[in-house]
N, C-alpha and C. Protein backbone atom coordinates (compact mmCIF):
# COMPACT_ATOMS: atom_id res chain seq x y z
N MET A 1 0.81 -1.16 0.00
CA MET A 1 0.03 0.05 0.02
C MET A 1 0.97 1.22 -0.01
N ILE A 2 0.54 2.20 -0.85
CA ILE A 2 1.40 3.39 -0.93
C ILE A 2 0.94 4.47 -0.01
N SER A 3 -0.33 4.56 0.12
CA SER A 3 -0.99 5.65 1.05
C SER A 3 -0.87 5.20 2.48
N ILE A 4 -0.84 6.24 3.31
CA ILE A 4 -0.93 6.12 4.76
C ILE A 4 -2.34 5.41 5.08
N LEU A 5 -3.27 6.01 4.35
CA LEU A 5 -4.75 5.48 4.47
C LEU A 5 -4.91 4.37 3.54
N GLY A 6 -5.64 3.41 4.02
CA GLY A 6 -5.91 2.31 3.11
C GLY A 6 -6.86 2.87 2.03
N ASP A 7 -7.16 2.15 1.04
CA ASP A 7 -8.16 2.49 -0.04
C ASP A 7 -9.53 2.79 0.49
N ALA A 8 -10.00 1.70 1.35
CA ALA A 8 -11.30 1.87 2.01
C ALA A 8 -11.40 3.05 2.90
N GLU A 9 -10.42 3.34 3.80
CA GLU A 9 -10.62 4.39 4.57
C GLU A 9 -10.49 5.84 3.85
N ALA A 10 -9.66 5.72 2.80
CA ALA A 10 -9.65 7.09 1.98
C ALA A 10 -10.97 7.29 1.34
N LEU A 11 -11.66 6.35 0.88
CA LEU A 11 -12.79 6.37 0.18
C LEU A 11 -14.08 6.89 1.18
N GLU A 12 -14.00 6.21 2.29
CA GLU A 12 -14.89 6.54 3.41
C GLU A 12 -14.70 8.04 3.82
N LYS A 13 -13.52 8.52 3.94
CA LYS A 13 -13.25 9.89 4.29
C LYS A 13 -13.79 10.91 3.22
N PHE A 14 -13.55 10.46 2.03
CA PHE A 14 -13.95 11.24 0.92
C PHE A 14 -15.55 11.39 0.93
N GLY A 15 -16.18 10.20 1.11
CA GLY A 15 -17.65 10.17 1.19
C GLY A 15 -18.27 10.99 2.33
N ILE A 16 -17.62 11.02 3.50
CA ILE A 16 -18.03 11.84 4.52
C ILE A 16 -17.96 13.21 4.35
N ARG A 17 -16.85 13.63 3.58
CA ARG A 17 -16.63 15.12 3.28
C ARG A 17 -17.77 15.51 2.20
N LEU A 18 -17.88 14.60 1.34
CA LEU A 18 -18.78 15.04 0.38
C LEU A 18 -20.26 15.16 0.85
N LYS A 19 -20.67 14.25 1.72
CA LYS A 19 -21.99 14.36 2.39
C LYS A 19 -22.07 15.60 3.22
N ALA A 20 -21.00 15.91 3.96
CA ALA A 20 -20.92 17.15 4.73
C ALA A 20 -21.11 18.44 3.85
N LEU A 21 -20.50 18.39 2.79
CA LEU A 21 -20.65 19.53 1.82
C LEU A 21 -22.03 19.64 1.34
N ARG A 22 -22.69 18.52 0.88
CA ARG A 22 -23.94 18.49 0.38
C ARG A 22 -25.01 19.02 1.39
N LEU A 23 -24.82 18.67 2.70
CA LEU A 23 -25.66 19.06 3.83
C LEU A 23 -25.54 20.50 4.17
N ARG A 24 -24.24 20.97 4.02
CA ARG A 24 -24.02 22.49 4.28
C ARG A 24 -24.76 23.36 3.20
N ARG A 25 -24.81 22.79 1.99
CA ARG A 25 -25.61 23.49 0.93
C ARG A 25 -27.07 23.12 0.92
N ASN A 26 -27.48 22.38 1.90
CA ASN A 26 -28.84 22.08 2.19
C ASN A 26 -29.61 21.43 0.96
N LEU A 27 -28.78 20.41 0.25
CA LEU A 27 -29.23 19.76 -0.92
C LEU A 27 -29.51 18.34 -0.47
N SER A 28 -30.56 17.85 -1.04
CA SER A 28 -30.95 16.35 -0.88
C SER A 28 -30.21 15.47 -1.70
N GLN A 29 -30.09 14.25 -1.30
CA GLN A 29 -29.49 13.15 -2.07
C GLN A 29 -30.14 13.02 -3.46
N GLU A 30 -31.51 13.12 -3.44
CA GLU A 30 -32.27 12.90 -4.60
C GLU A 30 -31.89 14.04 -5.51
N TYR A 31 -31.79 15.33 -5.02
CA TYR A 31 -31.37 16.38 -6.08
C TYR A 31 -30.09 16.20 -6.74
N VAL A 32 -29.10 16.00 -5.75
CA VAL A 32 -27.79 15.82 -6.32
C VAL A 32 -27.56 14.58 -7.30
N ALA A 33 -28.25 13.47 -6.95
CA ALA A 33 -28.34 12.32 -7.73
C ALA A 33 -29.02 12.73 -9.24
N GLY A 34 -29.91 13.53 -9.16
CA GLY A 34 -30.58 13.98 -10.41
C GLY A 34 -29.64 14.79 -11.22
N VAL A 35 -28.92 15.76 -10.62
CA VAL A 35 -27.91 16.63 -11.30
C VAL A 35 -26.89 15.72 -11.84
N VAL A 36 -26.39 14.75 -11.06
CA VAL A 36 -25.26 13.92 -11.49
C VAL A 36 -25.66 12.93 -12.66
N GLY A 37 -27.05 12.59 -12.66
CA GLY A 37 -27.50 11.67 -13.74
C GLY A 37 -27.39 10.25 -13.16
N VAL A 38 -27.49 9.99 -11.88
CA VAL A 38 -27.40 8.59 -11.33
C VAL A 38 -28.64 8.38 -10.51
N SER A 39 -28.82 7.11 -10.26
CA SER A 39 -29.83 6.80 -9.20
C SER A 39 -29.58 7.23 -7.86
N VAL A 40 -30.47 7.29 -6.93
CA VAL A 40 -30.34 7.63 -5.53
C VAL A 40 -29.39 6.65 -4.93
N PRO A 41 -29.69 5.41 -5.11
CA PRO A 41 -28.73 4.29 -4.54
C PRO A 41 -27.23 4.48 -4.98
N THR A 42 -27.07 4.79 -6.19
CA THR A 42 -25.77 5.00 -6.67
C THR A 42 -25.10 6.22 -5.99
N TYR A 43 -25.90 7.36 -5.81
CA TYR A 43 -25.33 8.47 -5.25
C TYR A 43 -25.05 8.14 -3.70
N ARG A 44 -25.89 7.26 -3.11
CA ARG A 44 -25.55 6.96 -1.70
C ARG A 44 -24.31 6.15 -1.62
N LYS A 45 -23.94 5.27 -2.53
CA LYS A 45 -22.78 4.67 -2.62
C LYS A 45 -21.53 5.59 -2.68
N ILE A 46 -21.67 6.57 -3.42
CA ILE A 46 -20.54 7.56 -3.51
C ILE A 46 -20.33 8.17 -2.02
N GLU A 47 -21.45 8.53 -1.48
CA GLU A 47 -21.21 9.06 -0.09
C GLU A 47 -20.75 8.08 1.00
N GLN A 48 -21.01 6.83 0.66
CA GLN A 48 -20.55 5.72 1.65
C GLN A 48 -19.14 5.27 1.41
N GLY A 49 -18.57 5.88 0.34
CA GLY A 49 -17.15 5.53 0.04
C GLY A 49 -17.00 4.16 -0.78
N ASP A 50 -18.12 3.76 -1.45
CA ASP A 50 -18.10 2.42 -2.12
C ASP A 50 -17.23 2.55 -3.43
N GLY A 51 -16.19 1.85 -3.36
CA GLY A 51 -15.21 1.84 -4.62
C GLY A 51 -15.79 1.29 -5.84
N THR A 52 -16.89 0.79 -5.95
CA THR A 52 -17.37 0.24 -7.19
C THR A 52 -18.00 1.25 -8.07
N VAL A 53 -18.29 2.31 -7.52
CA VAL A 53 -18.88 3.44 -8.31
C VAL A 53 -17.97 4.04 -9.35
N GLU A 54 -18.62 4.10 -10.59
CA GLU A 54 -17.63 4.65 -11.71
C GLU A 54 -17.08 6.10 -11.43
N PHE A 55 -15.79 6.22 -11.81
CA PHE A 55 -15.18 7.43 -11.50
C PHE A 55 -15.87 8.64 -12.18
N ARG A 56 -16.52 8.56 -13.27
CA ARG A 56 -17.07 9.62 -13.89
C ARG A 56 -18.32 10.13 -13.05
N HIS A 57 -18.90 9.24 -12.42
CA HIS A 57 -20.11 9.65 -11.46
C HIS A 57 -19.54 10.38 -10.33
N VAL A 58 -18.45 9.96 -9.67
CA VAL A 58 -17.85 10.72 -8.66
C VAL A 58 -17.41 12.05 -9.03
N ALA A 59 -16.77 12.16 -10.20
CA ALA A 59 -16.29 13.45 -10.84
C ALA A 59 -17.57 14.46 -11.07
N ARG A 60 -18.68 13.77 -11.53
CA ARG A 60 -19.96 14.69 -11.64
C ARG A 60 -20.52 15.16 -10.40
N ALA A 61 -20.38 14.30 -9.44
CA ALA A 61 -20.79 14.63 -8.05
C ALA A 61 -20.02 15.81 -7.58
N LEU A 62 -18.72 15.73 -7.79
CA LEU A 62 -17.86 16.85 -7.28
C LEU A 62 -18.32 18.29 -8.10
N GLY A 63 -18.49 18.07 -9.43
CA GLY A 63 -18.90 19.14 -10.17
C GLY A 63 -20.31 19.78 -9.70
N ALA A 64 -21.23 18.82 -9.39
CA ALA A 64 -22.53 19.28 -8.96
C ALA A 64 -22.53 20.02 -7.67
N LEU A 65 -21.40 19.84 -6.78
CA LEU A 65 -21.28 20.39 -5.61
C LEU A 65 -20.24 21.69 -5.65
N GLY A 66 -19.89 21.89 -6.88
CA GLY A 66 -18.97 23.10 -7.03
C GLY A 66 -17.51 22.73 -6.87
N LEU A 67 -17.14 21.53 -6.94
CA LEU A 67 -15.71 21.19 -6.64
C LEU A 67 -15.06 20.67 -7.94
N ALA A 68 -15.44 20.93 -9.16
CA ALA A 68 -14.82 20.45 -10.36
C ALA A 68 -13.41 20.94 -10.41
N GLU A 69 -13.05 21.97 -9.93
CA GLU A 69 -11.66 22.58 -9.91
C GLU A 69 -10.79 21.60 -8.90
N ALA A 70 -11.31 21.23 -7.84
CA ALA A 70 -10.67 20.44 -6.91
C ALA A 70 -10.13 19.10 -7.42
N LEU A 71 -11.03 18.52 -8.36
CA LEU A 71 -10.55 17.33 -8.99
C LEU A 71 -9.24 17.50 -9.66
N GLY A 72 -9.08 18.59 -10.34
CA GLY A 72 -7.69 18.81 -10.97
C GLY A 72 -6.53 19.06 -10.02
N ASP A 73 -6.87 19.30 -8.79
CA ASP A 73 -5.88 19.47 -7.67
C ASP A 73 -5.47 18.26 -7.07
N VAL A 74 -6.01 17.11 -7.35
CA VAL A 74 -5.83 15.87 -6.78
C VAL A 74 -4.31 15.44 -6.99
N ILE A 75 -3.97 15.76 -8.34
CA ILE A 75 -2.58 15.52 -8.80
C ILE A 75 -1.87 16.82 -8.96
N THR A 76 -0.80 16.89 -8.10
CA THR A 76 -0.14 18.19 -8.18
C THR A 76 0.77 18.32 -9.51
N ALA A 77 0.94 19.56 -9.83
CA ALA A 77 1.83 19.72 -11.04
C ALA A 77 3.38 19.63 -10.85
N THR A 78 3.68 19.45 -9.58
CA THR A 78 5.13 19.27 -9.21
C THR A 78 5.56 17.87 -9.45
N GLU A 79 6.92 17.63 -9.47
CA GLU A 79 7.41 16.32 -9.69
C GLU A 79 7.08 15.47 -8.49
N PRO A 80 6.49 14.33 -8.62
CA PRO A 80 6.35 13.49 -7.51
C PRO A 80 7.66 12.86 -7.01
N GLU A 81 7.68 12.60 -5.70
CA GLU A 81 8.86 12.02 -5.11
C GLU A 81 9.10 10.50 -5.52
N LEU A 82 8.03 9.90 -5.82
CA LEU A 82 8.09 8.53 -6.16
C LEU A 82 8.07 8.37 -7.71
N ARG A 83 8.90 7.61 -8.29
CA ARG A 83 8.94 7.26 -9.69
C ARG A 83 8.25 5.95 -9.94
N LEU A 84 7.88 5.66 -11.18
CA LEU A 84 7.20 4.41 -11.58
C LEU A 84 7.96 3.28 -11.23
N LYS A 85 9.46 3.31 -11.37
CA LYS A 85 10.23 2.16 -11.12
C LYS A 85 10.21 1.95 -9.47
N ASP A 86 10.05 2.94 -8.79
CA ASP A 86 9.97 2.76 -7.33
C ASP A 86 8.68 1.91 -6.86
N LEU A 87 7.67 2.20 -7.74
CA LEU A 87 6.39 1.42 -7.34
C LEU A 87 6.41 -0.04 -7.73
N LEU A 88 7.26 -0.22 -8.83
CA LEU A 88 7.17 -1.69 -9.49
C LEU A 88 7.98 -2.62 -8.46
N ARG A 89 7.61 -3.85 -8.55
CA ARG A 89 8.30 -4.94 -7.68
C ARG A 89 9.69 -4.91 -8.14
N PRO A 90 10.70 -4.97 -7.15
CA PRO A 90 12.04 -5.04 -7.60
C PRO A 90 12.33 -6.45 -8.38
N GLU A 91 13.33 -6.23 -9.23
CA GLU A 91 13.76 -7.49 -10.04
C GLU A 91 14.21 -8.63 -9.13
N ARG A 92 13.74 -9.65 -9.34
CA ARG A 92 14.16 -10.84 -8.64
C ARG A 92 15.56 -11.37 -9.09
N LYS A 93 16.55 -11.57 -8.18
CA LYS A 93 17.78 -12.03 -8.64
C LYS A 93 17.73 -13.62 -8.57
N ASN A 94 18.45 -14.06 -9.69
CA ASN A 94 18.51 -15.48 -9.66
C ASN A 94 19.43 -16.11 -8.60
N ALA A 95 18.96 -17.20 -8.13
CA ALA A 95 19.65 -17.85 -7.07
C ALA A 95 21.03 -18.29 -7.66
N SER A 96 22.06 -18.25 -6.71
CA SER A 96 23.39 -18.70 -7.09
C SER A 96 23.32 -20.27 -7.16
N LYS A 97 24.26 -20.72 -7.92
CA LYS A 97 24.42 -22.24 -8.15
C LYS A 97 24.96 -22.76 -6.72
N PRO A 98 24.51 -23.86 -6.38
CA PRO A 98 25.02 -24.61 -5.21
C PRO A 98 26.53 -24.78 -5.32
N ARG A 99 27.26 -24.71 -4.27
CA ARG A 99 28.68 -24.75 -4.24
C ARG A 99 28.97 -26.22 -4.03
N ARG A 100 30.09 -26.72 -4.69
CA ARG A 100 30.44 -28.13 -4.62
C ARG A 100 31.31 -28.29 -3.47
N LYS A 101 31.05 -29.47 -2.72
CA LYS A 101 32.14 -29.61 -1.63
C LYS A 101 33.39 -30.25 -2.24
N SER A 102 34.45 -29.87 -1.72
CA SER A 102 35.66 -30.44 -2.21
C SER A 102 36.25 -31.56 -1.48
């Protein structure tokens, strides 16, 4: 795992924040689901941090709540500290040949 938070925890935290934002704006789940173009159960999954929801629906939900710009800020424009080769499994070295007893 690369993140300090696990995937499930990060999605749950995202859903909690999205729900709080919706409630601060006094919007119902039904209204936001209609704007996003998904069913109410699908929108509820987004707020519950269900990772099976299509990313485009999550992006639309952010846009419906005025956070479309925030989506672009998820990935910074600066050089990441990790490189792709750092994330890949290290090459496995071949085992050395057994030594012969003299």
